[in-house]
C-alpha atoms as a PDB file:
ATOM      1  CA  MET A   1       0.000   0.000   0.000  1.00  0.00           C
ATOM      2  CA  GLY A   2       2.779   2.552  -0.576  1.00  0.00           C
ATOM      3  CA  GLY A   3       2.834   5.389  -3.163  1.00  0.00           C
ATOM      4  CA  THR A   4       1.373   8.865  -3.581  1.00  0.00           C
ATOM      5  CA  ASP A   5      -1.859   9.924  -1.947  1.00  0.00           C
ATOM      6  CA  ASP A   6      -3.818  11.602  -4.671  1.00  0.00           C
ATOM      7  CA  ALA A   7      -6.814  12.132  -2.496  1.00  0.00           C
ATOM      8  CA  ALA A   8      -8.482  15.653  -2.442  1.00  0.00           C
ATOM      9  CA  PRO A   9      -7.613  18.115   0.388  1.00  0.00           C
ATOM     10  CA  GLY A  10      -9.535  17.900   3.579  1.00  0.00           C
ATOM     11  CA  PRO A  11     -12.490  20.034   4.333  1.00  0.00           C
ATOM     12  CA  PHE A  12     -11.874  23.825   5.120  1.00  0.00           C
ATOM     13  CA  VAL A  13      -8.245  23.713   3.944  1.00  0.00           C
ATOM     14  CA  PRO A  14      -8.729  26.405   1.288  1.00  0.00           C
ATOM     15  CA  GLU A  15     -10.592  28.556   3.708  1.00  0.00           C
ATOM     16  CA  MET A  16      -7.872  28.150   6.289  1.00  0.00           C
ATOM     17  CA  ASN A  17      -5.195  29.102   3.776  1.00  0.00           C
ATOM     18  CA  ALA A  18      -7.135  32.202   2.750  1.00  0.00           C
ATOM     19  CA  LEU A  19      -7.677  33.128   6.392  1.00  0.00           C
ATOM     20  CA  THR A  20      -3.982  32.743   7.096  1.00  0.00           C
ATOM     21  CA  ILE A  21      -3.095  35.010   4.206  1.00  0.00           C
ATOM     22  CA  ASN A  22      -5.627  37.557   5.382  1.00  0.00           C
ATOM     23  CA  VAL A  23      -4.313  37.428   8.905  1.00  0.00           C
ATOM     24  CA  GLN A  24      -0.761  37.926   7.706  1.00  0.00           C
ATOM     25  CA  HIS A  25      -1.878  40.877   5.573  1.00  0.00           C
ATOM     26  CA  ASN A  26      -3.704  42.467   8.480  1.00  0.00           C
ATOM     27  CA  ALA A  27      -0.739  41.874  10.727  1.00  0.00           C
ATOM     28  CA  GLN A  28       1.533  43.645   8.236  1.00  0.00           C
ATOM     29  CA  GLU A  29      -0.845  46.565   8.001  1.00  0.00           C
ATOM     30  CA  ALA A  30      -1.007  46.709  11.798  1.00  0.00           C
ATOM     31  CA  ALA A  31       2.796  46.718  11.948  1.00  0.00           C
ATOM     32  CA  ASN A  32       2.917  49.452   9.367  1.00  0.00           C
ATOM     33  CA  ALA A  33       0.334  51.478  11.293  1.00  0.00           C
ATOM     34  CA  ALA A  34       2.264  50.923  14.499  1.00  0.00           C
ATOM     35  CA  ASN A  35       5.458  52.192  12.870  1.00  0.00           C
ATOM     36  CA  ALA A  36       3.614  55.214  11.536  1.00  0.00           C
ATOM     37  CA  ALA A  37       2.071  55.821  14.939  1.00  0.00           C
ATOM     38  CA  SER A  38       5.499  55.606  16.514  1.00  0.00           C
ATOM     39  CA  GLY A  39       6.741  58.266  14.090  1.00  0.00           C
ATOM     40  CA  HIS A  40       3.784  60.479  14.960  1.00  0.00           C
ATOM     41  CA  VAL A  41       4.527  59.980  18.647  1.00  0.00           C
ATOM     42  CA  ASP A  42       8.123  61.053  18.116  1.00  0.00           C
ATOM     43  CA  ALA A  43       6.987  64.107  16.161  1.00  0.00           C
ATOM     44  CA  ALA A  44       4.425  64.927  18.832  1.00  0.00           C
ATOM     45  CA  TYR A  45       7.098  64.632  21.487  1.00  0.00           C
ATOM     46  CA  ALA A  46       9.414  66.930  19.495  1.00  0.00           C
ATOM     47  CA  TYR A  47       6.568  69.421  19.125  1.00  0.00           C
ATOM     48  CA  ALA A  48       5.889  69.202  22.825  1.00  0.00           C
ATOM     49  CA  VAL A  49       9.552  69.836  23.643  1.00  0.00           C
ATOM     50  CA  ALA A  50       9.644  72.783  21.210  1.00  0.00           C
ATOM     51  CA  ALA A  51       6.443  74.117  22.769  1.00  0.00           C
ATOM     52  CA  GLN A  52       7.958  73.898  26.227  1.00  0.00           C
ATOM     53  CA  GLN A  53      11.072  75.723  25.022  1.00  0.00           C
ATOM     54  CA  SER A  54       8.943  78.383  23.363  1.00  0.00           C
ATOM     55  CA  GLU A  55       6.944  78.700  26.555  1.00  0.00           C
ATOM     56  CA  GLY A  56      10.182  79.183  28.522  1.00  0.00           C
ATOM     57  CA  ILE A  57      11.433  81.820  26.093  1.00  0.00           C
ATOM     58  CA  ALA A  58       8.059  83.575  26.171  1.00  0.00           C
ATOM     59  CA  THR A  59       8.061  83.530  29.953  1.00  0.00           C
ATOM     60  CA  ALA A  60      11.593  84.982  30.046  1.00  0.00           C
ATOM     61  CA  LYS A  61      10.648  87.693  27.545  1.00  0.00           C
ATOM     62  CA  ALA A  62       7.563  88.500  29.550  1.00  0.00           C
ATOM     63  CA  GLY A  63       9.748  88.821  32.646  1.00  0.00           C
ATOM     64  CA  GLU A  64      12.126  91.102  30.793  1.00  0.00           C
ATOM     65  CA  ALA A  65       9.197  93.208  29.606  1.00  0.00           C
ATOM     66  CA  VAL A  66       7.881  93.538  33.149  1.00  0.00           C
ATOM     67  CA  THR A  67      11.363  94.517  34.393  1.00  0.00           C
ATOM     68  CA  ALA A  68      11.741  97.070  31.609  1.00  0.00           C
ATOM     69  CA  ARG A  69       8.324  98.485  32.439  1.00  0.00           C
ATOM     70  CA  ASN A  70       9.181  98.691  36.127  1.00  0.00           C
ATOM     71  CA  GLU A  71      12.429 100.495  35.281  1.00  0.00           C
ATOM     72  CA  ALA A  72      10.698 102.810  32.805  1.00  0.00           C
ATOM     73  CA  VAL A  73       8.128 104.037  35.314  1.00  0.00           C
ATOM     74  CA  PRO A  74      10.623 105.692  37.739  1.00  0.00           C
ATOM     75  CA  ALA A  75      12.730 106.874  34.777  1.00  0.00           C
ATOM     76  CA  ALA A  76       9.681 108.615  33.342  1.00  0.00           C
ATOM     77  CA  ALA A  77       8.955 110.136  36.742  1.00  0.00           C
ATOM     78  CA  THR A  78      12.568 111.337  36.950  1.00  0.00           C
ATOM     79  CA  ALA A  79      12.300 112.868  33.482  1.00  0.00           C
ATOM     80  CA  VAL A  80       9.114 114.681  34.442  1.00  0.00           C
ATOM     81  CA  SER A  81      10.760 115.948  37.633  1.00  0.00           C
ATOM     82  CA  ALA A  82      13.819 117.119  35.686  1.00  0.00           C
ATOM     83  CA  ARG A  83      11.589 118.900  33.201  1.00  0.00           C
ATOM     84  CA  ASN A  84       9.677 120.572  36.027  1.00  0.00           C
ATOM     85  CA  GLU A  85      12.964 121.713  37.572  1.00  0.00           C
ATOM     86  CA  ALA A  86      14.326 122.885  34.214  1.00  0.00           C
ATOM     87  CA  VAL A  87      11.400 125.221  33.540  1.00  0.00           C
ATOM     88  CA  PRO A  88      12.051 127.579  36.504  1.00  0.00           C
ATOM     89  CA  ALA A  89      15.814 127.215  35.939  1.00  0.00           C
ATOM     90  CA  ALA A  90      15.381 128.384  32.356  1.00  0.00           C
ATOM     91  CA  ALA A  91      13.237 131.281  33.537  1.00  0.00           C
ATOM     92  CA  ALA A  92      15.898 132.186  36.117  1.00  0.00           C
ATOM     93  CA  ALA A  93      18.586 132.072  33.406  1.00  0.00           C
ATOM     94  CA  VAL A  94      16.570 134.417  31.211  1.00  0.00           C
ATOM     95  CA  SER A  95      16.082 136.771  34.145  1.00  0.00           C
ATOM     96  CA  ALA A  96      19.804 136.662  34.980  1.00  0.00           C
ATOM     97  CA  ARG A  97      20.665 137.364  31.352  1.00  0.00           C
ATOM     98  CA  ASP A  98      18.319 140.356  31.269  1.00  0.00           C
ATOM     99  CA  GLN A  99      19.828 141.677  34.513  1.00  0.00           C
ATOM    100  CA  THR A 100      23.335 141.223  33.132  1.00  0.00           C
ATOM    101  CA  LEU A 101      22.439 143.149  29.986  1.00  0.00           C
ATOM    102  CA  ALA A 102      20.906 145.889  32.115  1.00  0.00           C
ATOM    103  CA  TYR A 103      24.051 146.068  34.275  1.00  0.00           C
ATOM    104  CA  ARG A 104      26.201 146.187  31.138  1.00  0.00           C
ATOM    105  CA  ASP A 105      24.139 149.041  29.725  1.00  0.00           C
ATOM    106  CA  GLN A 106      24.398 150.881  33.023  1.00  0.00           C
ATOM    107  CA  ALA A 107      28.141 150.285  33.117  1.00  0.00           C
ATOM    108  CA  GLU A 108      28.541 151.629  29.583  1.00  0.00           C
ATOM    109  CA  VAL A 109      26.586 154.750  30.425  1.00  0.00           C
ATOM    110  CA  PHE A 110      28.546 155.207  33.641  1.00  0.00           C
ATOM    111  CA  ALA A 111      31.917 154.641  31.941  1.00  0.00           C
ATOM    112  CA  THR A 112      31.062 157.058  29.141  1.00  0.00           C
ATOM    113  CA  GLN A 113      30.009 159.701  31.633  1.00  0.00           C
ATOM    114  CA  GLN A 114      33.199 159.117  33.625  1.00  0.00           C
ATOM    115  CA  LEU A 115      35.227 160.255  30.603  1.00  0.00           C
ATOM    116  CA  LYS A 116      33.100 163.295  29.953  1.00  0.00           C
ATOM    117  CA  ALA A 117      32.625 166.505  31.943  1.00  0.00           C
ATOM    118  CA  ASN A 118      31.067 169.944  31.694  1.00  0.00           C
ATOM    119  CA  SER A 119      32.410 173.253  32.898  1.00  0.00           C
ATOM    120  CA  THR A 120      31.012 176.756  33.217  1.00  0.00           C
ATOM    121  CA  THR A 121      34.455 178.187  33.974  1.00  0.00           C
ATOM    122  CA  SER A 122      35.177 181.198  31.766  1.00  0.00           C
ATOM    123  CA  VAL A 123      38.357 180.393  29.840  1.00  0.00           C
ATOM    124  CA  THR A 124      39.933 182.106  26.803  1.00  0.00           C
ATOM    125  CA  PRO A 125      41.491 179.670  24.298  1.00  0.00           C
ATOM    126  CA  SER A 126      45.277 179.835  24.294  1.00  0.00           C
ATOM    127  CA  ALA A 127      48.289 177.621  24.891  1.00  0.00           C
ATOM    128  CA  GLY A 128      49.442 176.961  28.432  1.00  0.00           C
ATOM    129  CA  SER A 129      47.918 175.835  31.698  1.00  0.00           C
ATOM    130  CA  LYS A 130      44.118 176.125  31.887  1.00  0.00           C
ATOM    131  CA  THR A 131      41.975 175.358  34.927  1.00  0.00           C
ATOM    132  CA  PHE A 132      38.359 174.157  34.705  1.00  0.00           C
ATOM    133  CA  ALA A 133      35.859 173.419  37.441  1.00  0.00           C
ATOM    134  CA  VAL A 134      34.114 170.178  36.402  1.00  0.00           C
ATOM    135  CA  GLU A 135      32.124 167.410  38.060  1.00  0.00           C
ATOM    136  CA  SER A 136      33.848 165.387  40.786  1.00  0.00           C
ATOM    137  CA  SER A 137      34.685 161.674  40.672  1.00  0.00           C
ATOM    138  CA  ARG A 138      35.494 161.549  36.971  1.00  0.00           C
ATOM    139  CA  SER A 139      38.070 159.113  35.503  1.00  0.00           C
ATOM    140  CA  PHE A 140      40.535 161.770  34.354  1.00  0.00           C
ATOM    141  CA  VAL A 141      44.164 161.039  35.282  1.00  0.00           C
ATOM    142  CA  PRO A 142      47.368 162.968  34.698  1.00  0.00           C
ATOM    143  CA  GLY A 143      48.769 162.319  31.236  1.00  0.00           C
ATOM    144  CA  MET A 144      45.378 161.705  29.637  1.00  0.00           C
ATOM    145  CA  TYR A 145      44.750 163.835  26.560  1.00  0.00           C
ATOM    146  CA  LEU A 146      41.499 165.831  26.624  1.00  0.00           C
ATOM    147  CA  VAL A 147      39.699 168.343  24.455  1.00  0.00           C
ATOM    148  CA  ALA A 148      37.447 171.143  25.730  1.00  0.00           C
ATOM    149  CA  THR A 149      34.894 172.273  23.144  1.00  0.00           C
ATOM    150  CA  SER A 150      32.473 175.176  23.397  1.00  0.00           C
ATOM    151  CA  GLN A 151      28.899 173.930  23.099  1.00  0.00           C
ATOM    152  CA  GLY A 152      27.734 177.246  21.694  1.00  0.00           C
ATOM    153  CA  VAL A 153      30.645 177.702  19.250  1.00  0.00           C
ATOM    154  CA  PRO A 154      32.023 174.178  18.461  1.00  0.00           C
ATOM    155  CA  ALA A 155      34.866 175.698  16.423  1.00  0.00           C
ATOM    156  CA  THR A 156      36.236 177.127  19.668  1.00  0.00           C
ATOM    157  CA  ARG A 157      38.221 174.463  21.477  1.00  0.00           C
ATOM    158  CA  MET A 158      41.376 173.647  23.415  1.00  0.00           C
ATOM    159  CA  SER A 159      43.175 170.347  23.840  1.00  0.00           C
ATOM    160  CA  GLY A 160      46.056 169.157  25.977  1.00  0.00           C
ATOM    161  CA  TYR A 161      47.326 166.711  28.560  1.00  0.00           C
ATOM    162  CA  VAL A 162      45.831 166.495  32.038  1.00  0.00           C
ATOM    163  CA  THR A 163      48.221 168.031  34.540  1.00  0.00           C
ATOM    164  CA  SER A 164      46.053 167.278  37.539  1.00  0.00           C
ATOM    165  CA  TYR A 165      42.507 166.407  38.495  1.00  0.00           C
ATOM    166  CA  ASP A 166      41.018 166.539  41.987  1.00  0.00           C
ATOM    167  CA  LEU A 167      38.462 163.768  42.437  1.00  0.00           C
ATOM    168  CA  VAL A 168      36.833 165.587  45.343  1.00  0.00           C
ATOM    169  CA  THR A 169      36.650 169.200  44.170  1.00  0.00           C
ATOM    170  CA  GLY A 170      36.533 168.475  40.419  1.00  0.00           C
ATOM    171  CA  GLN A 171      39.326 170.933  39.630  1.00  0.00           C
ATOM    172  CA  LEU A 172      40.868 169.967  36.280  1.00  0.00           C
ATOM    173  CA  VAL A 173      44.094 171.465  34.946  1.00  0.00           C
ATOM    174  CA  LEU A 174      45.054 171.019  31.279  1.00  0.00           C
ATOM    175  CA  ALA A 175      48.385 171.822  29.646  1.00  0.00           C
ATOM    176  CA  VAL A 176      46.868 173.160  26.392  1.00  0.00           C
ATOM    177  CA  ASP A 177      49.060 172.545  23.342  1.00  0.00           C
ATOM    178  CA  ALA A 178      46.443 173.166  20.611  1.00  0.00           C
ATOM    179  CA  PHE A 179      43.507 175.532  20.412  1.00  0.00           C
ATOM    180  CA  ALA A 180      41.125 177.199  17.969  1.00  0.00           C
ATOM    181  CA  GLY A 181      38.836 180.210  18.213  1.00  0.00           C
ATOM    182  CA  SER A 182      39.081 183.307  20.359  1.00  0.00           C
ATOM    183  CA  GLY A 183      37.128 184.938  23.109  1.00  0.00           C
ATOM    184  CA  ALA A 184      36.302 183.570  26.526  1.00  0.00           C
ATOM    185  CA  ARG A 185      33.671 180.851  26.691  1.00  0.00           C
ATOM    186  CA  ALA A 186      31.944 179.304  29.713  1.00  0.00           C
ATOM    187  CA  ASP A 187      30.061 176.447  28.084  1.00  0.00           C
ATOM    188  CA  TRP A 188      32.689 173.716  27.805  1.00  0.00           C
ATOM    189  CA  VAL A 189      32.137 170.029  27.226  1.00  0.00           C
ATOM    190  CA  ILE A 190      35.321 168.072  27.946  1.00  0.00           C
ATOM    191  CA  GLY A 191      36.221 164.551  26.846  1.00  0.00           C
ATOM    192  CA  VAL A 192      39.020 162.233  25.793  1.00  0.00           C
ATOM    193  CA  ALA A 193      40.808 162.994  22.520  1.00  0.00           C
ATOM    194  CA  ALA A 194      43.717 161.609  20.515  1.00  0.00           C
ATOM    195  CA  PRO A 195      46.858 163.760  20.690  1.00  0.00           C
ATOM    196  CA  GLY A 196      47.446 165.603  17.428  1.00  0.00           C
ATOM    197  CA  ALA A 197      44.141 164.578  15.831  1.00  0.00           C
ATOM    198  CA  ASP A 198      42.388 167.133  13.641  1.00  0.00           C
ATOM    199  CA  GLY A 199      39.090 168.427  14.910  1.00  0.00           C
ATOM    200  CA  GLN A 200      39.188 166.759  18.303  1.00  0.00           C
ATOM    201  CA  LYS A 201      35.810 165.650  19.588  1.00  0.00           C
ATOM    202  CA  PRO A 202      34.392 164.901  23.034  1.00  0.00           C
ATOM    203  CA  ALA A 203      34.101 161.379  24.338  1.00  0.00           C
ATOM    204  CA  ASP A 204      30.583 160.701  23.057  1.00  0.00           C
ATOM    205  CA  ALA A 205      31.862 160.936  19.453  1.00  0.00           C
ATOM    206  CA  MET A 206      34.602 158.321  19.906  1.00  0.00           C
ATOM    207  CA  THR A 207      34.804 154.545  19.931  1.00  0.00           C
ATOM    208  CA  ILE A 208      35.063 153.339  23.509  1.00  0.00           C
ATOM    209  CA  ALA A 209      35.709 149.696  24.466  1.00  0.00           C
ATOM    210  CA  TYR A 210      34.874 148.185  27.856  1.00  0.00           C
ATOM    211  CA  THR A 211      36.278 145.309  29.900  1.00  0.00           C
ATOM    212  CA  ALA A 212      34.504 144.175  33.066  1.00  0.00           C
ATOM    213  CA  GLY A 213      32.445 147.366  33.060  1.00  0.00           C
ATOM    214  CA  ARG A 214      35.460 149.696  32.789  1.00  0.00           C
ATOM    215  CA  VAL A 215      36.764 151.695  29.850  1.00  0.00           C
ATOM    216  CA  SER A 216      39.672 149.702  28.426  1.00  0.00           C
ATOM    217  CA  SER A 217      40.411 151.717  25.285  1.00  0.00           C
ATOM    218  CA  VAL A 218      39.409 154.872  23.438  1.00  0.00           C
ATOM    219  CA  THR A 219      39.905 155.136  19.662  1.00  0.00           C
ATOM    220  CA  GLU A 220      39.650 158.244  17.519  1.00  0.00           C
ATOM    221  CA  ASP A 221      40.868 158.690  13.950  1.00  0.00           C
ATOM    222  CA  GLY A 222      42.740 155.390  14.108  1.00  0.00           C
ATOM    223  CA  VAL A 223      44.621 156.344  17.287  1.00  0.00           C
ATOM    224  CA  THR A 224      43.947 154.138  20.322  1.00  0.00           C
ATOM    225  CA  THR A 225      44.571 154.956  23.954  1.00  0.00           C
ATOM    226  CA  THR A 226      44.676 151.841  26.180  1.00  0.00           C
ATOM    227  CA  ILE A 227      43.801 151.991  29.879  1.00  0.00           C
ATOM    228  CA  ASN A 228      44.642 149.293  32.442  1.00  0.00           C
ATOM    229  CA  TYR A 229      43.523 149.042  36.063  1.00  0.00           C
ATOM    230  CA  ASP A 230      44.950 147.578  39.249  1.00  0.00           C
ATOM    231  CA  GLY A 231      43.193 145.095  41.514  1.00  0.00           C
ATOM    232  CA  GLN A 232      41.335 147.903  43.280  1.00  0.00           C
ATOM    233  CA  GLY A 233      39.878 149.345  40.090  1.00  0.00           C
ATOM    234  CA  ARG A 234      42.245 152.324  39.868  1.00  0.00           C
ATOM    235  CA  VAL A 235      43.954 153.347  36.637  1.00  0.00           C
ATOM    236  CA  SER A 236      47.387 151.723  36.636  1.00  0.00           C
ATOM    237  CA  THR A 237      48.701 152.464  33.131  1.00  0.00           C
ATOM    238  CA  VAL A 238      47.685 154.545  30.133  1.00  0.00           C
ATOM    239  CA  SER A 239      49.356 153.830  26.772  1.00  0.00           C
ATOM    240  CA  TYR A 240      49.033 155.694  23.471  1.00  0.00           C
ATOM    241  CA  PRO A 241      51.106 156.419  20.347  1.00  0.00           C
ATOM    242  CA  ARG A 242      53.185 159.587  20.363  1.00  0.00           C
ATOM    243  CA  ASP A 243      55.750 160.736  17.793  1.00  0.00           C
ATOM    244  CA  GLY A 244      56.100 157.259  16.325  1.00  0.00           C
ATOM    245  CA  LYS A 245      56.542 155.596  19.699  1.00  0.00           C
ATOM    246  CA  THR A 246      54.269 154.172  22.378  1.00  0.00           C
ATOM    247  CA  ARG A 247      54.115 156.280  25.510  1.00  0.00           C
ATOM    248  CA  THR A 248      53.160 154.386  28.678  1.00  0.00           C
ATOM    249  CA  GLU A 249      52.241 156.281  31.822  1.00  0.00           C
ATOM    250  CA  THR A 250      52.280 154.329  35.089  1.00  0.00           C
ATOM    251  CA  TYR A 251      50.347 155.606  38.106  1.00  0.00           C
ATOM    252  CA  THR A 252      51.041 154.805  41.766  1.00  0.00           C
ATOM    253  CA  TYR A 253      48.862 155.441  44.802  1.00  0.00           C
ATOM    254  CA  ASN A 254      49.237 156.196  48.480  1.00  0.00           C
ATOM    255  CA  PRO A 255      47.825 153.847  51.143  1.00  0.00           C
ATOM    256  CA  ASP A 256      44.793 156.117  51.503  1.00  0.00           C
ATOM    257  CA  GLY A 257      44.030 155.703  47.789  1.00  0.00           C
ATOM    258  CA  SER A 258      45.158 159.143  46.665  1.00  0.00           C
ATOM    259  CA  MET A 259      47.503 159.354  43.716  1.00  0.00           C
ATOM    260  CA  ALA A 260      51.191 159.255  44.661  1.00  0.00           C
ATOM    261  CA  GLY A 261      52.659 159.986  41.270  1.00  0.00           C
ATOM    262  CA  MET A 262      53.104 159.107  37.607  1.00  0.00           C
ATOM    263  CA  THR A 263      56.096 157.919  35.609  1.00  0.00           C
ATOM    264  CA  ALA A 264      56.253 157.788  31.818  1.00  0.00           C
ATOM    265  CA  SER A 265      58.294 155.764  29.356  1.00  0.00           C
ATOM    266  CA  GLU A 266      58.413 155.562  25.567  1.00  0.00           C
ATOM    267  CA  ALA A 267      59.399 152.630  23.414  1.00  0.00           C
END
């Protein structure tokens, strides 16, 4: 009884084979789905990590924003306070400037008047020593060159160097070296002039410069007389051109403030 069994397959064998194939197919699809799901899980985890990092960054930025806001609030208050303080300071500066300008104007008027005087002394124009009674406390000093001009007859005038001036009594003595006109006049206006200049004029017709509220130079017809002062505001030197040289007159004072003397040099 050996040999090949050619009998037909048993019952349900085809169905079992088909079921096995189907099961294998489903298992493969399940494996594939599981792999895909695993990839999605990894991606989801990466997204979750990124979200946590973003949340941390956002939280830090929010903290920085809060800190910046907290710092900005007092800074803004400080700026407002500084502005409020600056407004009255600016107003005070404007007021101080206006006062300074007013003081300067007053100083200019005072300095100009200090180099100008009037006299009703009757004097006849001629060369030599001439005495005038003028206002006291003027800035005339020995060696200064002055011109006396008649207000009624401007062509009548005398000019010369100051020999002496009494600050208290106002007595002014000029050594007249140039004059014009004739006949006594008693309406003199007296001011600084340049030695040797034609048609000498009183101080209000000259260019006068000021330093620290004092007359520092007087210029007429291109000739400049320079005046310096000591620490107590007294005239210390007077310099001006003379015969092609510069004449410098130096003044000294006694302890009581009165003038002790004058020395002159030319170079």
